[in-house]
């Protein structure tokens, strides 16, 4: 009696081939991104050697717990869009969403989150991805692609939500959590700066886009204010507090959104004596 094992061998062969192709694809994507990241790093290194003062200020802006210094520097910086972007302290995107190669970035970010297990590392990674979305929104606006900039701002807001949830769900809320809350607060202030840049750059007739950018910024402010309230040891920075008060008194922000921001602000961050005498709309 003859037993035919050809079918079984063939099935095992195709399974192995399929697995090999998947591994090869992932490896190719990772290698491509490593190469692209190396190119980007070399460009940044050249920029640093050309203007070390600019890099020092930009680094301080991204690392400081209070955004005091970089906001002052930004105010007196050149009107150049590149100069303003540098002082924001955001990572310069190598590939923008208008590129056909952008899906590589998306897959790579998902892959990194998939293989990252430690909560601290996942939180830091999510924060980095949020910064990238902000940087993309700025650069897309600079290129006149307001349609894609709008999507990047929305993705930033979504990523900010994931980041806030991961911080609130921590079993312990130590200095690392408070430090991350400070960084998130600084990013919201940066988002407001990008919103101002959009208002200066985009045609005034595109009111829908401008209103949407305003709403997204206020929603991000509300989300981070909720995060700061959940982390009881965390008191918002002075700059963040000023942004909250400005938003509450802004007629350009939706009334319901302003009320929600004011409610959380009054309940969690305003002393009872001040709250009774506060004159907020």
Foldseek 3Di string as FASTA:
>chain_A
DDDDCPVVVVVVVVVVVVVVVVVVVVVVLVVVVVVLVVVLVVVVVVVCVVPVVLQVQLVCCLQDLANVRLVVVLVPWDPDLVSNLSSLNFRADSDAPVDPCCVSVVVVLVVVLVPDDDLLVNLVSLLNLLSVLLNNLLVCLVVVNLVRSLVSLVVSLVSLLVNLVSLLPDPDNDPSSLSVLSSLLSVLVSLVVSLVVSCVRDDPVVVVSNLSSVASSLSSLLSSLVSQQSNLVHDHHPVSVVVLLCNLQDPSYDPVSSVSSVVSCLVRPDPPVCSVVDDTD
